[in-house]
Amino acid sequence: MFGLLSHNAPSIRLVGPRVILRPLQRQDEKQWAEIREVSRSFLERWEPKWPSDATSPAAFRRRLKRFSAEWRDGTTYSFLIFNRSDDRLCGGITLSNIRRRVAQSGSVGYWVGAPYARKGVMSEAVQLLLNFSFDTLGLHRIEAAGLPSNGPSRGLLEKSGFVQEGLARKFLRIDGMWQDHVCYAILRTDPRPVVPMYD
């Protein structure tokens, strides 16, 4: 199944009660650019420094090409998050840095558009991604990291079943600066909220 998934990314859909996760597609360009631009000031402080053309068609094409290649290689699975009720794009979530052999682990990162923040969208998306990571890909451990000052993101991880494991000094370059991050992880055997997946 793992090999099949990596060659059929556009057909993969993770469907929950309120949201749908699916890979980035060409037709998403307009919605992606709009939600990223309207959320620029909300997102920039939590993300790597935005390039000057961050929401341009060229930036979208670069992202689509990179995500497609990484999906085929089985190293990264990037999803967009859509509301089931109106098919509006809410954000994105990515399982990256997948390590096989003795590790069987990966890292999760996510972003949500400003209009959808603190509305439960990401809580459901995280659980759907964990179901996919553990049940479909057979991974053992999923890691995440958040800025110490990002209380909402850290609260989301803790509510989702992640356990705080420590502090990584100057871990990632965020908003143009190397910044400390609080490290979290969840194991396949750890308790977590149950979110049903639908066909």
C-alpha atoms as a PDB file:
ATOM      1  CA  MET A   1       0.000   0.000   0.000  1.00  0.00           C
ATOM      2  CA  PHE A   2       2.866   2.380   0.777  1.00  0.00           C
ATOM      3  CA  GLY A   3       4.188   2.232  -2.796  1.00  0.00           C
ATOM      4  CA  LEU A   4       0.708   2.632  -4.218  1.00  0.00           C
ATOM      5  CA  LEU A   5       0.116   5.756  -2.152  1.00  0.00           C
ATOM      6  CA  SER A   6       3.303   7.391  -3.307  1.00  0.00           C
ATOM      7  CA  HIS A   7       2.289   7.074  -6.974  1.00  0.00           C
ATOM      8  CA  ASN A   8      -1.346   8.160  -6.618  1.00  0.00           C
ATOM      9  CA  ALA A   9      -1.155  11.233  -4.409  1.00  0.00           C
ATOM     10  CA  PRO A  10      -3.932  13.226  -6.135  1.00  0.00           C
ATOM     11  CA  SER A  11      -6.490  10.515  -5.348  1.00  0.00           C
ATOM     12  CA  ILE A  12      -5.749  10.392  -1.599  1.00  0.00           C
ATOM     13  CA  ARG A  13      -8.379  12.028   0.588  1.00  0.00           C
ATOM     14  CA  LEU A  14      -8.530  11.915   4.379  1.00  0.00           C
ATOM     15  CA  VAL A  15     -12.092  12.745   5.324  1.00  0.00           C
ATOM     16  CA  GLY A  16     -13.263  13.592   8.819  1.00  0.00           C
ATOM     17  CA  PRO A  17     -16.527  14.915  10.249  1.00  0.00           C
ATOM     18  CA  ARG A  18     -15.758  18.540   9.314  1.00  0.00           C
ATOM     19  CA  VAL A  19     -12.616  18.656   7.166  1.00  0.00           C
ATOM     20  CA  ILE A  20     -11.050  16.968   4.164  1.00  0.00           C
ATOM     21  CA  LEU A  21      -7.294  16.603   3.695  1.00  0.00           C
ATOM     22  CA  ARG A  22      -5.925  16.098   0.193  1.00  0.00           C
ATOM     23  CA  PRO A  23      -2.700  16.865  -1.695  1.00  0.00           C
ATOM     24  CA  LEU A  24      -2.142  20.203  -3.402  1.00  0.00           C
ATOM     25  CA  GLN A  25      -3.472  20.311  -6.977  1.00  0.00           C
ATOM     26  CA  ARG A  26      -3.173  22.805  -9.833  1.00  0.00           C
ATOM     27  CA  GLN A  27      -6.730  24.053  -9.396  1.00  0.00           C
ATOM     28  CA  ASP A  28      -5.971  25.111  -5.809  1.00  0.00           C
ATOM     29  CA  GLU A  29      -3.756  28.022  -6.876  1.00  0.00           C
ATOM     30  CA  LYS A  30      -6.349  30.793  -6.497  1.00  0.00           C
ATOM     31  CA  GLN A  31      -7.625  29.696  -3.085  1.00  0.00           C
ATOM     32  CA  TRP A  32      -4.097  28.995  -1.845  1.00  0.00           C
ATOM     33  CA  ALA A  33      -2.821  32.444  -2.865  1.00  0.00           C
ATOM     34  CA  GLU A  34      -5.865  34.182  -1.376  1.00  0.00           C
ATOM     35  CA  ILE A  35      -5.783  32.496   2.031  1.00  0.00           C
ATOM     36  CA  ARG A  36      -2.007  32.844   2.345  1.00  0.00           C
ATOM     37  CA  GLU A  37      -2.108  36.546   1.409  1.00  0.00           C
ATOM     38  CA  VAL A  38      -5.003  37.426   3.713  1.00  0.00           C
ATOM     39  CA  SER A  39      -3.196  35.557   6.522  1.00  0.00           C
ATOM     40  CA  ARG A  40       0.290  36.978   5.836  1.00  0.00           C
ATOM     41  CA  SER A  41       0.650  39.041   9.033  1.00  0.00           C
ATOM     42  CA  PHE A  42      -0.858  36.205  11.074  1.00  0.00           C
ATOM     43  CA  LEU A  43       1.502  33.540   9.689  1.00  0.00           C
ATOM     44  CA  GLU A  44       4.834  35.269   9.053  1.00  0.00           C
ATOM     45  CA  ARG A  45       5.988  35.254  12.693  1.00  0.00           C
ATOM     46  CA  TRP A  46       5.550  31.454  12.896  1.00  0.00           C
ATOM     47  CA  GLU A  47       7.086  30.435   9.545  1.00  0.00           C
ATOM     48  CA  PRO A  48      10.382  30.620   7.651  1.00  0.00           C
ATOM     49  CA  LYS A  49      10.902  34.068   6.130  1.00  0.00           C
ATOM     50  CA  TRP A  50       8.556  34.558   3.195  1.00  0.00           C
ATOM     51  CA  PRO A  51      10.219  35.247  -0.190  1.00  0.00           C
ATOM     52  CA  SER A  52       9.178  38.386  -2.062  1.00  0.00           C
ATOM     53  CA  ASP A  53       6.966  36.319  -4.400  1.00  0.00           C
ATOM     54  CA  ALA A  54       5.483  34.146  -1.636  1.00  0.00           C
ATOM     55  CA  THR A  55       1.923  34.077  -3.002  1.00  0.00           C
ATOM     56  CA  SER A  56       2.700  34.366  -6.723  1.00  0.00           C
ATOM     57  CA  PRO A  57       1.806  31.765  -9.381  1.00  0.00           C
ATOM     58  CA  ALA A  58       5.516  30.922  -9.633  1.00  0.00           C
ATOM     59  CA  ALA A  59       5.690  30.210  -5.892  1.00  0.00           C
ATOM     60  CA  PHE A  60       2.641  27.975  -6.140  1.00  0.00           C
ATOM     61  CA  ARG A  61       4.147  26.030  -9.047  1.00  0.00           C
ATOM     62  CA  ARG A  62       7.427  25.560  -7.147  1.00  0.00           C
ATOM     63  CA  ARG A  63       5.534  24.251  -4.137  1.00  0.00           C
ATOM     64  CA  LEU A  64       3.417  21.910  -6.252  1.00  0.00           C
ATOM     65  CA  LYS A  65       6.486  20.514  -8.034  1.00  0.00           C
ATOM     66  CA  ARG A  66       8.387  19.987  -4.771  1.00  0.00           C
ATOM     67  CA  PHE A  67       5.458  18.389  -2.955  1.00  0.00           C
ATOM     68  CA  SER A  68       4.747  16.040  -5.870  1.00  0.00           C
ATOM     69  CA  ALA A  69       8.386  14.890  -6.001  1.00  0.00           C
ATOM     70  CA  GLU A  70       8.557  14.378  -2.234  1.00  0.00           C
ATOM     71  CA  TRP A  71       5.311  12.406  -2.279  1.00  0.00           C
ATOM     72  CA  ARG A  72       6.674  10.104  -4.985  1.00  0.00           C
ATOM     73  CA  ASP A  73       9.858   9.605  -2.946  1.00  0.00           C
ATOM     74  CA  GLY A  74       7.875   8.781   0.193  1.00  0.00           C
ATOM     75  CA  THR A  75       9.744  11.389   2.245  1.00  0.00           C
ATOM     76  CA  THR A  76       6.983  13.978   2.711  1.00  0.00           C
ATOM     77  CA  TYR A  77       3.189  13.944   2.522  1.00  0.00           C
ATOM     78  CA  SER A  78       1.710  17.441   2.213  1.00  0.00           C
ATOM     79  CA  PHE A  79      -2.022  18.046   2.466  1.00  0.00           C
ATOM     80  CA  LEU A  80      -4.296  21.038   2.164  1.00  0.00           C
ATOM     81  CA  ILE A  81      -7.211  21.274   4.587  1.00  0.00           C
ATOM     82  CA  PHE A  82     -10.702  22.030   3.284  1.00  0.00           C
ATOM     83  CA  ASN A  83     -14.030  22.580   5.019  1.00  0.00           C
ATOM     84  CA  ARG A  84     -16.405  19.780   4.104  1.00  0.00           C
ATOM     85  CA  SER A  85     -19.382  22.140   4.186  1.00  0.00           C
ATOM     86  CA  ASP A  86     -18.223  24.601   1.508  1.00  0.00           C
ATOM     87  CA  ASP A  87     -14.928  23.176   0.139  1.00  0.00           C
ATOM     88  CA  ARG A  88     -13.058  26.319   1.238  1.00  0.00           C
ATOM     89  CA  LEU A  89      -9.318  26.034   1.865  1.00  0.00           C
ATOM     90  CA  CYS A  90      -8.519  26.508   5.568  1.00  0.00           C
ATOM     91  CA  GLY A  91      -4.830  25.638   5.859  1.00  0.00           C
ATOM     92  CA  GLY A  92      -2.217  22.973   5.338  1.00  0.00           C
ATOM     93  CA  ILE A  93      -0.580  20.105   7.205  1.00  0.00           C
ATOM     94  CA  THR A  94       2.548  18.156   6.303  1.00  0.00           C
ATOM     95  CA  LEU A  95       4.167  14.938   7.438  1.00  0.00           C
ATOM     96  CA  SER A  96       7.847  15.337   6.574  1.00  0.00           C
ATOM     97  CA  ASN A  97      11.321  14.014   7.329  1.00  0.00           C
ATOM     98  CA  ILE A  98      10.025  10.450   7.200  1.00  0.00           C
ATOM     99  CA  ARG A  99      12.642   8.003   8.411  1.00  0.00           C
ATOM    100  CA  ARG A 100      12.226   4.281   7.870  1.00  0.00           C
ATOM    101  CA  ARG A 101      14.325   1.274   8.970  1.00  0.00           C
ATOM    102  CA  VAL A 102      14.931   1.423  12.736  1.00  0.00           C
ATOM    103  CA  ALA A 103      13.280   4.845  13.237  1.00  0.00           C
ATOM    104  CA  GLN A 104       9.848   4.580  11.522  1.00  0.00           C
ATOM    105  CA  SER A 105       9.154   8.221  12.370  1.00  0.00           C
ATOM    106  CA  GLY A 106       8.270  11.567  10.868  1.00  0.00           C
ATOM    107  CA  SER A 107       7.592  15.202  11.744  1.00  0.00           C
ATOM    108  CA  VAL A 108       4.353  17.142  11.508  1.00  0.00           C
ATOM    109  CA  GLY A 109       4.007  20.822  10.686  1.00  0.00           C
ATOM    110  CA  TYR A 110       0.930  22.871   9.917  1.00  0.00           C
ATOM    111  CA  TRP A 111      -0.519  26.299   9.198  1.00  0.00           C
ATOM    112  CA  VAL A 112      -4.054  27.630   9.357  1.00  0.00           C
ATOM    113  CA  GLY A 113      -5.534  30.677   7.663  1.00  0.00           C
ATOM    114  CA  ALA A 114      -6.341  33.555   9.989  1.00  0.00           C
ATOM    115  CA  PRO A 115     -10.138  33.311   9.442  1.00  0.00           C
ATOM    116  CA  TYR A 116     -10.080  29.678  10.631  1.00  0.00           C
ATOM    117  CA  ALA A 117      -7.758  29.961  13.631  1.00  0.00           C
ATOM    118  CA  ARG A 118      -8.997  28.609  16.983  1.00  0.00           C
ATOM    119  CA  LYS A 119     -12.083  26.994  15.406  1.00  0.00           C
ATOM    120  CA  GLY A 120     -11.137  23.320  15.759  1.00  0.00           C
ATOM    121  CA  VAL A 121     -10.063  22.880  12.136  1.00  0.00           C
ATOM    122  CA  MET A 122      -6.482  21.983  12.950  1.00  0.00           C
ATOM    123  CA  SER A 123      -7.366  19.688  15.847  1.00  0.00           C
ATOM    124  CA  GLU A 124      -9.302  17.462  13.470  1.00  0.00           C
ATOM    125  CA  ALA A 125      -6.649  17.729  10.744  1.00  0.00           C
ATOM    126  CA  VAL A 126      -3.903  16.639  13.153  1.00  0.00           C
ATOM    127  CA  GLN A 127      -5.883  13.564  14.185  1.00  0.00           C
ATOM    128  CA  LEU A 128      -6.580  12.621  10.569  1.00  0.00           C
ATOM    129  CA  LEU A 129      -2.874  12.947   9.796  1.00  0.00           C
ATOM    130  CA  LEU A 130      -1.967  10.809  12.810  1.00  0.00           C
ATOM    131  CA  ASN A 131      -4.422   8.134  11.645  1.00  0.00           C
ATOM    132  CA  PHE A 132      -2.753   8.222   8.221  1.00  0.00           C
ATOM    133  CA  SER A 133       0.759   8.160   9.727  1.00  0.00           C
ATOM    134  CA  PHE A 134       0.178   5.266  12.099  1.00  0.00           C
ATOM    135  CA  ASP A 135      -2.508   3.193  10.399  1.00  0.00           C
ATOM    136  CA  THR A 136      -1.683   3.639   6.708  1.00  0.00           C
ATOM    137  CA  LEU A 137       2.056   4.330   6.675  1.00  0.00           C
ATOM    138  CA  GLY A 138       2.806   2.165   9.710  1.00  0.00           C
ATOM    139  CA  LEU A 139       5.000   4.738  11.453  1.00  0.00           C
ATOM    140  CA  HIS A 140       5.903   4.395  15.130  1.00  0.00           C
ATOM    141  CA  ARG A 141       6.598   7.986  16.230  1.00  0.00           C
ATOM    142  CA  ILE A 142       5.527  11.461  15.084  1.00  0.00           C
ATOM    143  CA  GLU A 143       7.417  14.534  16.264  1.00  0.00           C
ATOM    144  CA  ALA A 144       6.483  18.209  16.325  1.00  0.00           C
ATOM    145  CA  ALA A 145       8.066  21.428  17.524  1.00  0.00           C
ATOM    146  CA  GLY A 146       6.684  24.820  18.451  1.00  0.00           C
ATOM    147  CA  LEU A 147       8.021  28.182  19.462  1.00  0.00           C
ATOM    148  CA  PRO A 148       7.867  28.646  23.253  1.00  0.00           C
ATOM    149  CA  SER A 149       5.738  31.755  22.673  1.00  0.00           C
ATOM    150  CA  ASN A 150       3.190  29.968  20.459  1.00  0.00           C
ATOM    151  CA  GLY A 151       0.727  28.966  23.159  1.00  0.00           C
ATOM    152  CA  PRO A 152      -2.143  28.024  20.806  1.00  0.00           C
ATOM    153  CA  SER A 153       0.029  25.618  18.785  1.00  0.00           C
ATOM    154  CA  ARG A 154       1.537  24.032  21.878  1.00  0.00           C
ATOM    155  CA  GLY A 155      -1.934  23.665  23.382  1.00  0.00           C
ATOM    156  CA  LEU A 156      -3.141  21.986  20.192  1.00  0.00           C
ATOM    157  CA  LEU A 157      -0.300  19.464  20.314  1.00  0.00           C
ATOM    158  CA  GLU A 158      -0.916  18.646  23.964  1.00  0.00           C
ATOM    159  CA  LYS A 159      -4.668  18.292  23.376  1.00  0.00           C
ATOM    160  CA  SER A 160      -3.879  15.985  20.436  1.00  0.00           C
ATOM    161  CA  GLY A 161      -1.918  13.569  22.631  1.00  0.00           C
ATOM    162  CA  PHE A 162       1.649  14.798  22.041  1.00  0.00           C
ATOM    163  CA  VAL A 163       4.031  14.711  24.997  1.00  0.00           C
ATOM    164  CA  GLN A 164       6.554  17.485  25.626  1.00  0.00           C
ATOM    165  CA  GLU A 165      10.078  16.047  25.537  1.00  0.00           C
ATOM    166  CA  GLY A 166      12.424  19.005  25.808  1.00  0.00           C
ATOM    167  CA  LEU A 167      13.825  22.197  24.337  1.00  0.00           C
ATOM    168  CA  ALA A 168      15.887  22.352  21.132  1.00  0.00           C
ATOM    169  CA  ARG A 169      18.104  25.431  21.119  1.00  0.00           C
ATOM    170  CA  LYS A 170      18.095  27.574  17.953  1.00  0.00           C
ATOM    171  CA  PHE A 171      16.311  24.680  16.256  1.00  0.00           C
ATOM    172  CA  LEU A 172      14.694  26.310  13.209  1.00  0.00           C
ATOM    173  CA  ARG A 173      15.104  29.570  11.330  1.00  0.00           C
ATOM    174  CA  ILE A 174      11.696  31.204  11.773  1.00  0.00           C
ATOM    175  CA  ASP A 175      10.833  34.720  10.598  1.00  0.00           C
ATOM    176  CA  GLY A 176      14.484  35.219   9.683  1.00  0.00           C
ATOM    177  CA  MET A 177      15.957  34.224  13.077  1.00  0.00           C
ATOM    178  CA  TRP A 178      17.256  30.987  14.591  1.00  0.00           C
ATOM    179  CA  GLN A 179      14.805  30.270  17.389  1.00  0.00           C
ATOM    180  CA  ASP A 180      14.442  27.804  20.240  1.00  0.00           C
ATOM    181  CA  HIS A 181      11.627  25.264  19.938  1.00  0.00           C
ATOM    182  CA  VAL A 182       9.762  23.107  22.433  1.00  0.00           C
ATOM    183  CA  CYS A 183       9.872  19.497  21.183  1.00  0.00           C
ATOM    184  CA  TYR A 184       6.909  17.136  21.305  1.00  0.00           C
ATOM    185  CA  ALA A 185       6.247  13.568  20.164  1.00  0.00           C
ATOM    186  CA  ILE A 186       3.481  11.011  20.074  1.00  0.00           C
ATOM    187  CA  LEU A 187       3.897   7.248  19.728  1.00  0.00           C
ATOM    188  CA  ARG A 188       1.558   4.921  17.902  1.00  0.00           C
ATOM    189  CA  THR A 189       0.705   3.329  21.251  1.00  0.00           C
ATOM    190  CA  ASP A 190      -0.040   6.628  23.048  1.00  0.00           C
ATOM    191  CA  PRO A 191      -3.673   7.556  23.757  1.00  0.00           C
ATOM    192  CA  ARG A 192      -5.135  10.235  21.501  1.00  0.00           C
ATOM    193  CA  PRO A 193      -8.580  11.623  20.629  1.00  0.00           C
ATOM    194  CA  VAL A 194     -10.554   9.499  18.194  1.00  0.00           C
ATOM    195  CA  VAL A 195     -11.585  11.156  14.927  1.00  0.00           C
ATOM    196  CA  PRO A 196     -13.407   8.840  12.515  1.00  0.00           C
ATOM    197  CA  MET A 197     -12.273   8.708   8.913  1.00  0.00           C
ATOM    198  CA  TYR A 198     -14.865   8.542   6.141  1.00  0.00           C
ATOM    199  CA  ASP A 199     -14.633   7.385   2.533  1.00  0.00           C
END
